C-alpha atoms as a PDB file:
ATOM      1  CA  MET A   1     -47.620  12.437  -0.228  1.00  0.00           C
ATOM      2  CA  GLN A   2     -43.902  12.828   0.442  1.00  0.00           C
ATOM      3  CA  GLU A   3     -41.527   9.897  -0.028  1.00  0.00           C
ATOM      4  CA  ALA A   4     -40.449   9.972   3.647  1.00  0.00           C
ATOM      5  CA  GLU A   5     -44.051   9.704   4.872  1.00  0.00           C
ATOM      6  CA  ALA A   6     -44.770   6.936   2.377  1.00  0.00           C
ATOM      7  CA  ARG A   7     -41.755   4.955   3.633  1.00  0.00           C
ATOM      8  CA  ARG A   8     -42.900   5.403   7.237  1.00  0.00           C
ATOM      9  CA  LEU A   9     -46.358   4.092   6.385  1.00  0.00           C
ATOM     10  CA  CYS A  10     -44.860   1.182   4.467  1.00  0.00           C
ATOM     11  CA  THR A  11     -43.013   0.066   7.599  1.00  0.00           C
ATOM     12  CA  LEU A  12     -46.288   0.091   9.535  1.00  0.00           C
ATOM     13  CA  LEU A  13     -48.013  -2.031   6.886  1.00  0.00           C
ATOM     14  CA  SER A  14     -45.134  -4.577   6.756  1.00  0.00           C
ATOM     15  CA  PRO A  15     -41.929  -3.896   4.839  1.00  0.00           C
ATOM     16  CA  LEU A  16     -42.016  -7.419   3.403  1.00  0.00           C
ATOM     17  CA  ARG A  17     -45.523  -6.965   2.037  1.00  0.00           C
ATOM     18  CA  LEU A  18     -44.829  -3.528   0.594  1.00  0.00           C
ATOM     19  CA  ALA A  19     -41.524  -4.683  -0.939  1.00  0.00           C
ATOM     20  CA  GLU A  20     -43.556  -6.719  -3.409  1.00  0.00           C
ATOM     21  CA  TYR A  21     -45.483  -3.607  -4.418  1.00  0.00           C
ATOM     22  CA  GLN A  22     -42.272  -1.599  -4.714  1.00  0.00           C
ATOM     23  CA  LEU A  23     -40.879  -4.264  -7.015  1.00  0.00           C
ATOM     24  CA  ALA A  24     -44.034  -4.101  -9.136  1.00  0.00           C
ATOM     25  CA  CYS A  25     -43.529  -0.340  -9.407  1.00  0.00           C
ATOM     26  CA  GLY A  26     -40.010  -0.742 -10.710  1.00  0.00           C
ATOM     27  CA  GLY A  27     -37.888  -0.305  -7.625  1.00  0.00           C
ATOM     28  CA  GLY A  28     -37.830   1.764  -4.479  1.00  0.00           C
ATOM     29  CA  ASP A  29     -40.611   4.279  -5.098  1.00  0.00           C
ATOM     30  CA  ALA A  30     -42.524   4.060  -1.798  1.00  0.00           C
ATOM     31  CA  VAL A  31     -45.207   6.544  -2.912  1.00  0.00           C
ATOM     32  CA  ALA A  32     -46.051   4.494  -6.006  1.00  0.00           C
ATOM     33  CA  ALA A  33     -45.970   1.256  -4.005  1.00  0.00           C
ATOM     34  CA  LEU A  34     -48.345   2.635  -1.388  1.00  0.00           C
ATOM     35  CA  ARG A  35     -50.682   3.924  -4.090  1.00  0.00           C
ATOM     36  CA  LEU A  36     -50.745   0.487  -5.739  1.00  0.00           C
ATOM     37  CA  HIS A  37     -51.351  -1.156  -2.354  1.00  0.00           C
ATOM     38  CA  CYS A  38     -54.347   1.133  -1.746  1.00  0.00           C
ATOM     39  CA  TRP A  39     -55.726   0.336  -5.177  1.00  0.00           C
ATOM     40  CA  ASN A  40     -55.223  -3.390  -4.542  1.00  0.00           C
ATOM     41  CA  THR A  41     -57.394  -2.991  -1.435  1.00  0.00           C
ATOM     42  CA  GLU A  42     -60.028  -1.135  -3.432  1.00  0.00           C
ATOM     43  CA  ILE A  43     -60.227  -3.678  -6.255  1.00  0.00           C
ATOM     44  CA  SER A  44     -60.360  -6.497  -3.680  1.00  0.00           C
ATOM     45  CA  GLU A  45     -63.365  -4.771  -2.095  1.00  0.00           C
ATOM     46  CA  ALA A  46     -64.995  -4.427  -5.516  1.00  0.00           C
ATOM     47  CA  PHE A  47     -64.641  -8.168  -6.156  1.00  0.00           C
ATOM     48  CA  TYR A  48     -66.202  -9.008  -2.802  1.00  0.00           C
ATOM     49  CA  GLY A  49     -69.747  -8.446  -4.097  1.00  0.00           C
ATOM     50  CA  PRO A  50     -69.647 -10.670  -7.220  1.00  0.00           C
ATOM     51  CA  LEU A  51     -67.800 -13.407  -5.340  1.00  0.00           C
ATOM     52  CA  GLN A  52     -70.319 -13.243  -2.501  1.00  0.00           C
ATOM     53  CA  TYR A  53     -73.198 -13.700  -4.916  1.00  0.00           C
ATOM     54  CA  LEU A  54     -71.479 -16.694  -6.494  1.00  0.00           C
ATOM     55  CA  GLU A  55     -70.784 -18.332  -3.138  1.00  0.00           C
ATOM     56  CA  VAL A  56     -74.293 -17.770  -1.797  1.00  0.00           C
ATOM     57  CA  ALA A  57     -75.975 -18.868  -5.025  1.00  0.00           C
ATOM     58  CA  MET A  58     -73.896 -22.034  -5.335  1.00  0.00           C
ATOM     59  CA  ARG A  59     -74.616 -22.982  -1.732  1.00  0.00           C
ATOM     60  CA  SER A  60     -78.331 -22.353  -2.230  1.00  0.00           C
ATOM     61  CA  VAL A  61     -78.883 -24.250  -5.482  1.00  0.00           C
ATOM     62  CA  MET A  62     -76.584 -27.150  -4.626  1.00  0.00           C
ATOM     63  CA  THR A  63     -78.267 -27.596  -1.242  1.00  0.00           C
ATOM     64  CA  ARG A  64     -81.675 -27.447  -2.945  1.00  0.00           C
ATOM     65  CA  GLU A  65     -80.794 -30.221  -5.383  1.00  0.00           C
ATOM     66  CA  LEU A  66     -79.132 -32.469  -2.825  1.00  0.00           C
ATOM     67  CA  THR A  67     -81.965 -32.185  -0.305  1.00  0.00           C
ATOM     68  CA  GLY A  68     -84.461 -32.871  -3.086  1.00  0.00           C
ATOM     69  CA  TYR A  69     -82.577 -35.906  -4.372  1.00  0.00           C
ATOM     70  CA  LEU A  70     -81.746 -37.447  -0.994  1.00  0.00           C
ATOM     71  CA  GLY A  71     -85.039 -36.481   0.642  1.00  0.00           C
ATOM     72  CA  ARG A  72     -83.721 -34.929   3.848  1.00  0.00           C
ATOM     73  CA  ASP A  73     -82.468 -31.537   4.986  1.00  0.00           C
ATOM     74  CA  ALA A  74     -79.334 -33.079   6.494  1.00  0.00           C
ATOM     75  CA  TRP A  75     -78.566 -34.683   3.133  1.00  0.00           C
ATOM     76  CA  TRP A  76     -74.985 -35.474   4.165  1.00  0.00           C
ATOM     77  CA  ASN A  77     -76.301 -38.102   6.595  1.00  0.00           C
ATOM     78  CA  ASP A  78     -77.875 -40.135   3.805  1.00  0.00           C
ATOM     79  CA  PRO A  79     -75.784 -43.255   3.027  1.00  0.00           C
ATOM     80  CA  ARG A  80     -76.022 -42.469  -0.689  1.00  0.00           C
ATOM     81  CA  ALA A  81     -74.040 -39.259  -0.245  1.00  0.00           C
ATOM     82  CA  GLN A  82     -70.895 -41.010   1.023  1.00  0.00           C
ATOM     83  CA  LEU A  83     -68.900 -37.824   1.473  1.00  0.00           C
ATOM     84  CA  ALA A  84     -65.125 -38.069   1.325  1.00  0.00           C
ATOM     85  CA  TYR A  85     -63.207 -37.665   4.588  1.00  0.00           C
ATOM     86  CA  GLY A  86     -62.556 -33.954   4.012  1.00  0.00           C
ATOM     87  CA  GLY A  87     -66.240 -33.273   3.467  1.00  0.00           C
ATOM     88  CA  ARG A  88     -67.242 -35.132   6.617  1.00  0.00           C
ATOM     89  CA  GLN A  89     -64.643 -33.143   8.538  1.00  0.00           C
ATOM     90  CA  ARG A  90     -66.106 -29.830   7.316  1.00  0.00           C
ATOM     91  CA  ILE A  91     -69.588 -30.957   8.442  1.00  0.00           C
ATOM     92  CA  SER A  92     -68.265 -31.931  11.879  1.00  0.00           C
ATOM     93  CA  GLU A  93     -66.362 -28.660  12.250  1.00  0.00           C
ATOM     94  CA  ALA A  94     -69.467 -26.639  11.337  1.00  0.00           C
ATOM     95  CA  GLU A  95     -71.565 -28.517  13.912  1.00  0.00           C
ATOM     96  CA  GLN A  96     -68.918 -28.077  16.627  1.00  0.00           C
ATOM     97  CA  LYS A  97     -68.572 -24.374  15.897  1.00  0.00           C
ATOM     98  CA  LEU A  98     -72.324 -23.876  16.322  1.00  0.00           C
ATOM     99  CA  GLN A  99     -72.320 -25.897  19.550  1.00  0.00           C
ATOM    100  CA  ARG A 100     -69.447 -23.826  20.975  1.00  0.00           C
ATOM    101  CA  ILE A 101     -71.565 -20.693  20.758  1.00  0.00           C
ATOM    102  CA  GLY A 102     -74.490 -22.414  22.452  1.00  0.00           C
ATOM    103  CA  LEU A 103     -76.597 -23.325  19.426  1.00  0.00           C
ATOM    104  CA  THR A 104     -78.188 -26.639  18.576  1.00  0.00           C
ATOM    105  CA  PRO A 105     -77.100 -27.246  14.963  1.00  0.00           C
ATOM    106  CA  THR A 106     -79.922 -27.503  12.464  1.00  0.00           C
ATOM    107  CA  PRO A 107     -79.327 -28.608   8.855  1.00  0.00           C
ATOM    108  CA  HIS A 108     -79.912 -25.042   7.674  1.00  0.00           C
ATOM    109  CA  MET A 109     -77.394 -23.648  10.182  1.00  0.00           C
ATOM    110  CA  VAL A 110     -74.802 -26.226   9.173  1.00  0.00           C
ATOM    111  CA  SER A 111     -75.317 -25.498   5.468  1.00  0.00           C
ATOM    112  CA  GLU A 112     -74.819 -21.783   6.088  1.00  0.00           C
ATOM    113  CA  GLU A 113     -71.687 -22.419   8.151  1.00  0.00           C
ATOM    114  CA  LEU A 114     -69.937 -24.602   5.577  1.00  0.00           C
ATOM    115  CA  PRO A 115     -67.180 -22.816   3.632  1.00  0.00           C
ATOM    116  CA  PHE A 116     -67.214 -22.140  -0.103  1.00  0.00           C
ATOM    117  CA  GLY A 117     -64.529 -24.777  -0.555  1.00  0.00           C
ATOM    118  CA  PHE A 118     -66.893 -27.465   0.719  1.00  0.00           C
ATOM    119  CA  TYR A 119     -69.404 -26.800  -2.055  1.00  0.00           C
ATOM    120  CA  VAL A 120     -66.653 -26.519  -4.658  1.00  0.00           C
ATOM    121  CA  SER A 121     -65.336 -29.913  -3.519  1.00  0.00           C
ATOM    122  CA  LEU A 122     -68.709 -31.530  -4.247  1.00  0.00           C
ATOM    123  CA  LEU A 123     -68.071 -30.788  -7.923  1.00  0.00           C
ATOM    124  CA  GLY A 124     -64.675 -32.523  -7.727  1.00  0.00           C
ATOM    125  CA  PRO A 125     -63.866 -36.233  -8.095  1.00  0.00           C
ATOM    126  CA  GLY A 126     -64.419 -36.875  -4.376  1.00  0.00           C
ATOM    127  CA  ASN A 127     -65.737 -40.277  -3.363  1.00  0.00           C
ATOM    128  CA  GLY A 128     -67.246 -41.138  -6.731  1.00  0.00           C
ATOM    129  CA  TYR A 129     -69.010 -37.753  -6.787  1.00  0.00           C
ATOM    130  CA  ASP A 130     -69.440 -37.783 -10.555  1.00  0.00           C
ATOM    131  CA  GLN A 131     -71.817 -40.759 -10.451  1.00  0.00           C
ATOM    132  CA  ARG A 132     -73.036 -40.292  -6.894  1.00  0.00           C
ATOM    133  CA  LEU A 133     -73.834 -36.566  -6.778  1.00  0.00           C
ATOM    134  CA  TRP A 134     -73.293 -34.843 -10.129  1.00  0.00           C
ATOM    135  CA  ARG A 135     -75.254 -37.107 -12.490  1.00  0.00           C
ATOM    136  CA  THR A 136     -78.029 -37.683  -9.972  1.00  0.00           C
ATOM    137  CA  ALA A 137     -78.596 -34.151  -8.682  1.00  0.00           C
ATOM    138  CA  LEU A 138     -75.974 -31.422  -8.935  1.00  0.00           C
ATOM    139  CA  TYR A 139     -76.080 -30.969 -12.706  1.00  0.00           C
ATOM    140  CA  ARG A 140     -79.559 -29.489 -12.209  1.00  0.00           C
ATOM    141  CA  ALA A 141     -78.069 -26.717 -10.039  1.00  0.00           C
ATOM    142  CA  PHE A 142     -76.330 -25.349 -13.155  1.00  0.00           C
ATOM    143  CA  PRO A 143     -78.957 -25.379 -15.935  1.00  0.00           C
ATOM    144  CA  GLY A 144     -76.899 -22.987 -18.053  1.00  0.00           C
ATOM    145  CA  TYR A 145     -73.890 -25.311 -18.124  1.00  0.00           C
ATOM    146  CA  ARG A 146     -73.455 -27.975 -20.794  1.00  0.00           C
ATOM    147  CA  GLY A 147     -69.882 -29.171 -20.226  1.00  0.00           C
ATOM    148  CA  ARG A 148     -68.245 -31.855 -18.138  1.00  0.00           C
ATOM    149  CA  ARG A 149     -68.249 -31.793 -14.369  1.00  0.00           C
ATOM    150  CA  ARG A 150     -64.465 -31.688 -14.072  1.00  0.00           C
ATOM    151  CA  LEU A 151     -64.257 -28.552 -16.244  1.00  0.00           C
ATOM    152  CA  LEU A 152     -66.848 -26.776 -14.092  1.00  0.00           C
ATOM    153  CA  HIS A 153     -64.974 -27.854 -10.985  1.00  0.00           C
ATOM    154  CA  ARG A 154     -61.723 -26.465 -12.396  1.00  0.00           C
ATOM    155  CA  GLN A 155     -63.395 -23.138 -13.121  1.00  0.00           C
ATOM    156  CA  VAL A 156     -65.016 -22.667  -9.703  1.00  0.00           C
ATOM    157  CA  ASP A 157     -61.935 -23.957  -7.877  1.00  0.00           C
ATOM    158  CA  HIS A 158     -59.883 -21.284  -9.654  1.00  0.00           C
ATOM    159  CA  LEU A 159     -62.339 -18.717  -8.270  1.00  0.00           C
ATOM    160  CA  ARG A 160     -62.153 -20.289  -4.805  1.00  0.00           C
ATOM    161  CA  ILE A 161     -58.386 -19.737  -4.790  1.00  0.00           C
ATOM    162  CA  PHE A 162     -58.921 -16.173  -6.011  1.00  0.00           C
ATOM    163  CA  ARG A 163     -61.482 -15.563  -3.265  1.00  0.00           C
ATOM    164  CA  ASN A 164     -59.116 -16.879  -0.597  1.00  0.00           C
ATOM    165  CA  LYS A 165     -56.339 -14.644  -1.885  1.00  0.00           C
ATOM    166  CA  ILE A 166     -58.618 -11.643  -1.354  1.00  0.00           C
ATOM    167  CA  ALA A 167     -59.797 -12.904   2.048  1.00  0.00           C
ATOM    168  CA  HIS A 168     -56.176 -13.117   3.235  1.00  0.00           C
ATOM    169  CA  HIS A 169     -55.388  -9.603   1.965  1.00  0.00           C
ATOM    170  CA  GLY A 170     -53.035 -10.872  -0.719  1.00  0.00           C
ATOM    171  CA  PRO A 171     -51.955  -8.957  -3.843  1.00  0.00           C
ATOM    172  CA  ILE A 172     -54.194  -9.438  -6.876  1.00  0.00           C
ATOM    173  CA  HIS A 173     -53.095  -6.392  -8.906  1.00  0.00           C
ATOM    174  CA  HIS A 174     -50.888  -8.557 -11.154  1.00  0.00           C
ATOM    175  CA  ARG A 175     -53.728 -10.865 -12.245  1.00  0.00           C
ATOM    176  CA  HIS A 176     -55.838 -10.690 -15.390  1.00  0.00           C
ATOM    177  CA  LEU A 177     -58.685  -9.172 -13.378  1.00  0.00           C
ATOM    178  CA  VAL A 178     -60.969  -8.584 -16.365  1.00  0.00           C
ATOM    179  CA  ALA A 179     -60.855 -12.347 -17.020  1.00  0.00           C
ATOM    180  CA  ASP A 180     -61.449 -13.089 -13.318  1.00  0.00           C
ATOM    181  CA  HIS A 181     -64.523 -10.847 -13.347  1.00  0.00           C
ATOM    182  CA  GLU A 182     -65.887 -12.479 -16.491  1.00  0.00           C
ATOM    183  CA  ALA A 183     -65.292 -15.941 -15.009  1.00  0.00           C
ATOM    184  CA  ILE A 184     -67.417 -15.060 -11.976  1.00  0.00           C
ATOM    185  CA  LEU A 185     -70.218 -13.758 -14.193  1.00  0.00           C
ATOM    186  CA  GLN A 186     -69.991 -16.823 -16.422  1.00  0.00           C
ATOM    187  CA  CYS A 187     -70.373 -19.171 -13.427  1.00  0.00           C
ATOM    188  CA  LEU A 188     -73.319 -17.101 -12.182  1.00  0.00           C
ATOM    189  CA  GLY A 189     -74.837 -17.478 -15.650  1.00  0.00           C
ATOM    190  CA  TYR A 190     -74.591 -21.251 -15.345  1.00  0.00           C
ATOM    191  CA  ILE A 191     -76.910 -20.931 -12.335  1.00  0.00           C
ATOM    192  CA  ASP A 192     -79.244 -18.226 -13.643  1.00  0.00           C
ATOM    193  CA  ALA A 193     -78.850 -15.715 -16.470  1.00  0.00           C
ATOM    194  CA  GLY A 194     -80.900 -13.077 -14.661  1.00  0.00           C
ATOM    195  CA  LEU A 195     -78.678 -13.322 -11.590  1.00  0.00           C
ATOM    196  CA  ALA A 196     -75.572 -12.858 -13.730  1.00  0.00           C
ATOM    197  CA  THR A 197     -77.140  -9.808 -15.393  1.00  0.00           C
ATOM    198  CA  MET A 198     -77.998  -8.237 -12.034  1.00  0.00           C
ATOM    199  CA  VAL A 199     -74.499  -8.774 -10.637  1.00  0.00           C
ATOM    200  CA  ARG A 200     -72.885  -7.377 -13.790  1.00  0.00           C
ATOM    201  CA  HIS A 201     -75.105  -4.289 -13.569  1.00  0.00           C
ATOM    202  CA  HIS A 202     -74.158  -3.541  -9.964  1.00  0.00           C
ATOM    203  CA  SER A 203     -70.519  -4.651 -10.003  1.00  0.00           C
ATOM    204  CA  ARG A 204     -67.959  -1.941  -9.229  1.00  0.00           C
ATOM    205  CA  VAL A 205     -65.096  -3.942 -10.708  1.00  0.00           C
ATOM    206  CA  PRO A 206     -65.009  -2.256 -14.174  1.00  0.00           C
ATOM    207  CA  GLU A 207     -65.062   1.222 -12.605  1.00  0.00           C
ATOM    208  CA  VAL A 208     -62.238   0.461 -10.176  1.00  0.00           C
ATOM    209  CA  LEU A 209     -60.200  -1.249 -12.894  1.00  0.00           C
ATOM    210  CA  GLY A 210     -60.420   1.965 -14.880  1.00  0.00           C
ATOM    211  CA  ARG A 211     -58.685   3.830 -12.043  1.00  0.00           C
ATOM    212  CA  ARG A 212     -55.694   1.542 -11.699  1.00  0.00           C
ATOM    213  CA  PRO A 213     -52.588   3.624 -10.854  1.00  0.00           C
END
């Protein structure tokens, strides 16, 4: 690709956004910046799979343990849950979203609609979540984990931020992506070793990392 064409494409993709890639490439080389931007898109796509498995698995096992402990599918309505204000807001928003498209919200629908951040927040300090949710139920969702709740929360919240960066098309090329990949697999291993093995086997991240420009 010629430099002039690369500069033209950079203006279409946002000069401000591409300026960051040009800086990472050592200056004003538009061809190199565009190449790095394309690779950033490719590695973001590669991370989508492992992150999706982590999000879906966490939602599944945490919902399983909370419904089992509190004895109802809509576990958030049990007085023992006592969700913090932010958690209650996410539940309400999920129900309203389903109603706006003409659906009658069921507990399963609401659970599926809740964002990753909601489930991550349940591992945080919350409204006494350590005693109320972690020690009573949620620790069983992570049989491969032997540490403290707050350390697990820190780890998955780091991955939540990483996931959101990808979802908003942000640059991730500057990160320690090998460590990010291993962190995802480690958290999957806390849930189930076989699941972590499967995701590692099918992950495209190592291959794409090997082609970094």
